[in-house]
C-alpha atoms as a PDB file:
ATOM      1  CA  UNK A   1     -12.623 -51.018 -12.495  1.00  0.00           C
ATOM      2  CA  UNK A   2     -15.834 -50.071 -11.072  1.00  0.00           C
ATOM      3  CA  UNK A   3     -17.613 -46.739 -12.352  1.00  0.00           C
ATOM      4  CA  UNK A   4     -20.527 -44.701 -11.292  1.00  0.00           C
ATOM      5  CA  UNK A   5     -22.815 -41.966 -12.966  1.00  0.00           C
ATOM      6  CA  UNK A   6     -25.241 -40.163 -10.857  1.00  0.00           C
ATOM      7  CA  UNK A   7     -27.474 -37.272 -10.087  1.00  0.00           C
ATOM      8  CA  UNK A   8     -26.394 -34.825  -7.465  1.00  0.00           C
ATOM      9  CA  UNK A   9     -27.758 -31.344  -6.490  1.00  0.00           C
ATOM     10  CA  UNK A  10     -25.275 -28.897  -6.900  1.00  0.00           C
ATOM     11  CA  UNK A  11     -25.517 -27.036  -3.635  1.00  0.00           C
ATOM     12  CA  UNK A  12     -22.261 -26.023  -2.094  1.00  0.00           C
ATOM     13  CA  UNK A  13     -23.334 -26.982   1.385  1.00  0.00           C
ATOM     14  CA  UNK A  14     -24.451 -30.151   0.560  1.00  0.00           C
ATOM     15  CA  UNK A  15     -22.157 -33.302   0.627  1.00  0.00           C
ATOM     16  CA  UNK A  16     -21.541 -34.829  -2.735  1.00  0.00           C
ATOM     17  CA  UNK A  17     -21.915 -38.508  -1.604  1.00  0.00           C
ATOM     18  CA  UNK A  18     -23.190 -41.102  -1.288  1.00  0.00           C
ATOM     19  CA  UNK A  19     -25.293 -40.538  -4.640  1.00  0.00           C
ATOM     20  CA  UNK A  20     -28.819 -41.434  -4.643  1.00  0.00           C
ATOM     21  CA  UNK A  21     -29.410 -45.223  -5.782  1.00  0.00           C
ATOM     22  CA  UNK A  22     -32.516 -44.213  -7.818  1.00  0.00           C
ATOM     23  CA  UNK A  23     -30.915 -41.612 -10.150  1.00  0.00           C
ATOM     24  CA  UNK A  24     -27.210 -43.737 -10.605  1.00  0.00           C
ATOM     25  CA  UNK A  25     -25.899 -46.045 -13.286  1.00  0.00           C
ATOM     26  CA  UNK A  26     -23.079 -48.391 -12.016  1.00  0.00           C
ATOM     27  CA  UNK A  27     -20.934 -50.472 -14.237  1.00  0.00           C
ATOM     28  CA  UNK A  28     -17.374 -52.608 -14.292  1.00  0.00           C
ATOM     29  CA  UNK A  29     -14.875 -52.575 -16.955  1.00  0.00           C
ATOM     30  CA  UNK A  30     -12.966 -55.105 -15.699  1.00  0.00           C
ATOM     31  CA  UNK A  31     -13.615 -57.527 -18.776  1.00  0.00           C
ATOM     32  CA  UNK A  32     -12.421 -56.740 -22.239  1.00  0.00           C
ATOM     33  CA  UNK A  33     -16.318 -56.561 -23.228  1.00  0.00           C
ATOM     34  CA  UNK A  34     -17.251 -54.027 -20.873  1.00  0.00           C
ATOM     35  CA  UNK A  35     -14.112 -52.053 -21.225  1.00  0.00           C
ATOM     36  CA  UNK A  36     -15.116 -52.099 -25.195  1.00  0.00           C
ATOM     37  CA  UNK A  37     -18.072 -50.138 -24.604  1.00  0.00           C
ATOM     38  CA  UNK A  38     -16.375 -47.727 -22.049  1.00  0.00           C
ATOM     39  CA  UNK A  39     -13.470 -47.345 -24.640  1.00  0.00           C
ATOM     40  CA  UNK A  40     -16.493 -46.239 -27.026  1.00  0.00           C
ATOM     41  CA  UNK A  41     -17.719 -43.690 -24.732  1.00  0.00           C
ATOM     42  CA  UNK A  42     -14.951 -42.296 -22.585  1.00  0.00           C
ATOM     43  CA  UNK A  43     -13.001 -40.067 -25.182  1.00  0.00           C
ATOM     44  CA  UNK A  44     -16.173 -37.761 -25.952  1.00  0.00           C
ATOM     45  CA  UNK A  45     -16.010 -37.126 -21.880  1.00  0.00           C
ATOM     46  CA  UNK A  46     -12.109 -36.967 -21.663  1.00  0.00           C
ATOM     47  CA  UNK A  47     -12.474 -33.084 -21.364  1.00  0.00           C
ATOM     48  CA  UNK A  48     -14.494 -33.012 -18.407  1.00  0.00           C
ATOM     49  CA  UNK A  49     -12.103 -35.430 -16.710  1.00  0.00           C
ATOM     50  CA  UNK A  50      -9.304 -32.987 -17.929  1.00  0.00           C
ATOM     51  CA  UNK A  51     -11.166 -30.138 -16.495  1.00  0.00           C
ATOM     52  CA  UNK A  52     -12.241 -31.486 -12.880  1.00  0.00           C
ATOM     53  CA  UNK A  53      -9.489 -34.185 -12.441  1.00  0.00           C
ATOM     54  CA  UNK A  54      -6.904 -33.159 -14.514  1.00  0.00           C
ATOM     55  CA  UNK A  55      -6.041 -36.558 -15.529  1.00  0.00           C
ATOM     56  CA  UNK A  56      -7.487 -38.824 -17.997  1.00  0.00           C
ATOM     57  CA  UNK A  57     -10.951 -40.408 -17.944  1.00  0.00           C
ATOM     58  CA  UNK A  58      -9.186 -43.788 -18.137  1.00  0.00           C
ATOM     59  CA  UNK A  59      -7.050 -43.316 -15.058  1.00  0.00           C
ATOM     60  CA  UNK A  60      -7.749 -44.645 -11.329  1.00  0.00           C
ATOM     61  CA  UNK A  61      -9.599 -42.274  -8.849  1.00  0.00           C
ATOM     62  CA  UNK A  62     -11.186 -39.950 -11.364  1.00  0.00           C
ATOM     63  CA  UNK A  63     -14.113 -37.795 -10.660  1.00  0.00           C
ATOM     64  CA  UNK A  64     -15.771 -35.056 -12.520  1.00  0.00           C
ATOM     65  CA  UNK A  65     -19.084 -33.237 -12.888  1.00  0.00           C
ATOM     66  CA  UNK A  66     -21.127 -32.084 -15.573  1.00  0.00           C
ATOM     67  CA  UNK A  67     -22.721 -29.074 -14.297  1.00  0.00           C
ATOM     68  CA  UNK A  68     -25.948 -27.737 -15.179  1.00  0.00           C
ATOM     69  CA  UNK A  69     -24.583 -25.634 -17.915  1.00  0.00           C
ATOM     70  CA  UNK A  70     -22.546 -28.714 -19.487  1.00  0.00           C
ATOM     71  CA  UNK A  71     -25.730 -30.765 -19.832  1.00  0.00           C
ATOM     72  CA  UNK A  72     -26.841 -29.450 -23.244  1.00  0.00           C
ATOM     73  CA  UNK A  73     -23.277 -30.151 -24.469  1.00  0.00           C
ATOM     74  CA  UNK A  74     -23.401 -33.681 -23.119  1.00  0.00           C
ATOM     75  CA  UNK A  75     -26.687 -34.253 -24.945  1.00  0.00           C
ATOM     76  CA  UNK A  76     -25.115 -33.201 -28.235  1.00  0.00           C
ATOM     77  CA  UNK A  77     -22.154 -35.516 -27.582  1.00  0.00           C
ATOM     78  CA  UNK A  78     -24.612 -38.310 -26.638  1.00  0.00           C
ATOM     79  CA  UNK A  79     -26.415 -37.591 -30.188  1.00  0.00           C
ATOM     80  CA  UNK A  80     -23.212 -37.584 -32.065  1.00  0.00           C
ATOM     81  CA  UNK A  81     -22.287 -40.955 -30.585  1.00  0.00           C
ATOM     82  CA  UNK A  82     -25.587 -42.338 -31.534  1.00  0.00           C
ATOM     83  CA  UNK A  83     -25.351 -41.285 -34.931  1.00  0.00           C
ATOM     84  CA  UNK A  84     -21.738 -42.851 -35.088  1.00  0.00           C
ATOM     85  CA  UNK A  85     -23.141 -45.946 -33.678  1.00  0.00           C
ATOM     86  CA  UNK A  86     -25.846 -46.289 -36.213  1.00  0.00           C
ATOM     87  CA  UNK A  87     -23.007 -46.182 -38.901  1.00  0.00           C
ATOM     88  CA  UNK A  88     -21.519 -49.464 -37.221  1.00  0.00           C
ATOM     89  CA  UNK A  89     -22.483 -52.817 -38.425  1.00  0.00           C
ATOM     90  CA  UNK A  90     -24.461 -54.620 -36.161  1.00  0.00           C
ATOM     91  CA  UNK A  91     -21.424 -56.257 -34.245  1.00  0.00           C
ATOM     92  CA  UNK A  92     -18.021 -55.761 -34.632  1.00  0.00           C
ATOM     93  CA  UNK A  93     -14.417 -56.090 -32.997  1.00  0.00           C
ATOM     94  CA  UNK A  94     -13.085 -53.171 -31.116  1.00  0.00           C
ATOM     95  CA  UNK A  95      -9.336 -53.005 -31.334  1.00  0.00           C
ATOM     96  CA  UNK A  96      -8.365 -52.304 -27.259  1.00  0.00           C
ATOM     97  CA  UNK A  97      -4.697 -52.858 -27.472  1.00  0.00           C
ATOM     98  CA  UNK A  98      -2.175 -56.047 -26.844  1.00  0.00           C
ATOM     99  CA  UNK A  99      -2.118 -58.548 -23.992  1.00  0.00           C
ATOM    100  CA  UNK A 100       0.650 -60.908 -23.108  1.00  0.00           C
ATOM    101  CA  UNK A 101       0.481 -63.683 -20.450  1.00  0.00           C
ATOM    102  CA  UNK A 102       3.484 -65.519 -19.232  1.00  0.00           C
ATOM    103  CA  UNK A 103       5.057 -67.749 -21.651  1.00  0.00           C
ATOM    104  CA  UNK A 104       2.811 -66.661 -24.530  1.00  0.00           C
ATOM    105  CA  UNK A 105       2.885 -64.614 -27.569  1.00  0.00           C
ATOM    106  CA  UNK A 106       1.260 -61.139 -27.437  1.00  0.00           C
ATOM    107  CA  UNK A 107      -2.198 -61.092 -28.726  1.00  0.00           C
ATOM    108  CA  UNK A 108      -4.712 -58.447 -29.636  1.00  0.00           C
ATOM    109  CA  UNK A 109      -7.858 -57.612 -27.510  1.00  0.00           C
ATOM    110  CA  UNK A 110     -10.495 -57.346 -29.904  1.00  0.00           C
ATOM    111  CA  UNK A 111     -13.987 -57.713 -27.961  1.00  0.00           C
ATOM    112  CA  UNK A 112     -16.850 -58.096 -30.134  1.00  0.00           C
ATOM    113  CA  UNK A 113     -19.481 -54.985 -29.394  1.00  0.00           C
ATOM    114  CA  UNK A 114     -23.046 -54.882 -30.587  1.00  0.00           C
ATOM    115  CA  UNK A 115     -24.445 -51.670 -31.982  1.00  0.00           C
ATOM    116  CA  UNK A 116     -27.828 -52.466 -30.141  1.00  0.00           C
ATOM    117  CA  UNK A 117     -26.121 -52.763 -26.776  1.00  0.00           C
ATOM    118  CA  UNK A 118     -23.823 -49.543 -27.299  1.00  0.00           C
ATOM    119  CA  UNK A 119     -27.200 -47.535 -28.324  1.00  0.00           C
ATOM    120  CA  UNK A 120     -28.903 -48.566 -25.325  1.00  0.00           C
ATOM    121  CA  UNK A 121     -25.911 -47.626 -23.146  1.00  0.00           C
ATOM    122  CA  UNK A 122     -25.999 -43.941 -24.871  1.00  0.00           C
ATOM    123  CA  UNK A 123     -30.029 -43.842 -24.449  1.00  0.00           C
ATOM    124  CA  UNK A 124     -29.581 -44.593 -20.975  1.00  0.00           C
ATOM    125  CA  UNK A 125     -27.085 -41.916 -20.281  1.00  0.00           C
ATOM    126  CA  UNK A 126     -29.372 -39.423 -22.333  1.00  0.00           C
ATOM    127  CA  UNK A 127     -32.251 -40.519 -19.926  1.00  0.00           C
ATOM    128  CA  UNK A 128     -30.116 -39.746 -16.986  1.00  0.00           C
ATOM    129  CA  UNK A 129     -29.047 -36.091 -18.433  1.00  0.00           C
ATOM    130  CA  UNK A 130     -32.848 -35.399 -19.347  1.00  0.00           C
ATOM    131  CA  UNK A 131     -33.583 -36.101 -15.684  1.00  0.00           C
ATOM    132  CA  UNK A 132     -30.601 -33.933 -14.352  1.00  0.00           C
ATOM    133  CA  UNK A 133     -32.217 -31.217 -16.440  1.00  0.00           C
ATOM    134  CA  UNK A 134     -35.608 -31.706 -15.424  1.00  0.00           C
ATOM    135  CA  UNK A 135     -34.855 -31.594 -11.616  1.00  0.00           C
ATOM    136  CA  UNK A 136     -32.276 -29.117 -12.046  1.00  0.00           C
ATOM    137  CA  UNK A 137     -29.478 -31.266 -10.698  1.00  0.00           C
ATOM    138  CA  UNK A 138     -25.729 -32.277 -12.198  1.00  0.00           C
ATOM    139  CA  UNK A 139     -23.797 -35.424 -13.154  1.00  0.00           C
ATOM    140  CA  UNK A 140     -21.205 -36.726 -11.397  1.00  0.00           C
ATOM    141  CA  UNK A 141     -18.839 -39.543 -12.620  1.00  0.00           C
ATOM    142  CA  UNK A 142     -16.167 -41.392 -10.569  1.00  0.00           C
ATOM    143  CA  UNK A 143     -14.036 -44.698 -10.384  1.00  0.00           C
ATOM    144  CA  UNK A 144     -11.743 -46.156  -8.135  1.00  0.00           C
ATOM    145  CA  UNK A 145     -11.896 -44.681  -4.856  1.00  0.00           C
ATOM    146  CA  UNK A 146     -14.260 -42.239  -5.859  1.00  0.00           C
ATOM    147  CA  UNK A 147     -16.523 -44.923  -6.935  1.00  0.00           C
ATOM    148  CA  UNK A 148     -16.667 -46.250  -3.121  1.00  0.00           C
ATOM    149  CA  UNK A 149     -17.355 -42.649  -2.010  1.00  0.00           C
ATOM    150  CA  UNK A 150     -20.220 -42.075  -4.168  1.00  0.00           C
ATOM    151  CA  UNK A 151     -21.686 -45.411  -3.479  1.00  0.00           C
ATOM    152  CA  UNK A 152     -21.733 -44.849   0.129  1.00  0.00           C
ATOM    153  CA  UNK A 153     -19.172 -47.933   0.662  1.00  0.00           C
ATOM    154  CA  UNK A 154     -17.103 -47.029   4.166  1.00  0.00           C
ATOM    155  CA  UNK A 155     -13.647 -46.097   3.404  1.00  0.00           C
ATOM    156  CA  UNK A 156     -10.838 -47.292   5.701  1.00  0.00           C
ATOM    157  CA  UNK A 157      -9.680 -45.186   8.334  1.00  0.00           C
ATOM    158  CA  UNK A 158      -7.368 -42.451   7.351  1.00  0.00           C
ATOM    159  CA  UNK A 159      -8.718 -42.130   4.110  1.00  0.00           C
ATOM    160  CA  UNK A 160      -8.239 -38.358   2.917  1.00  0.00           C
ATOM    161  CA  UNK A 161     -11.456 -36.932   0.904  1.00  0.00           C
ATOM    162  CA  UNK A 162     -10.781 -34.085  -1.315  1.00  0.00           C
END
């Protein structure tokens, strides 16, 4: 799955997409390693997905906004995450569930995660939030169809935007 986090100006007259390529982070979580890092961060931002999209952040076609008044709280969330990450060993295996391929037994999904990489992700998100605060902008997160729209990828004819 593709995900995007980016800056936008919070004016009601301005369209939300596409986001400026300079102020965005794009990542994929279709491999277990990337999904492992996503699974570390996603629960902390679940309440914003529930508030705006009314579905889980791990669902398809999710979009939510961190408004200007949410940014200070988001910084606190990232500070807490970074503190938790420094309590982890240099690398560890994160349990994500089980998988079963046809004709095989179930196996646990436990990608190897690295503290240094996880901390860099948190620091990159923090820098984006600080940039949003300095420029009086907001952040938006999207995946699935929302990712396509936020990147400016043309949608098939008949697609309905909300």
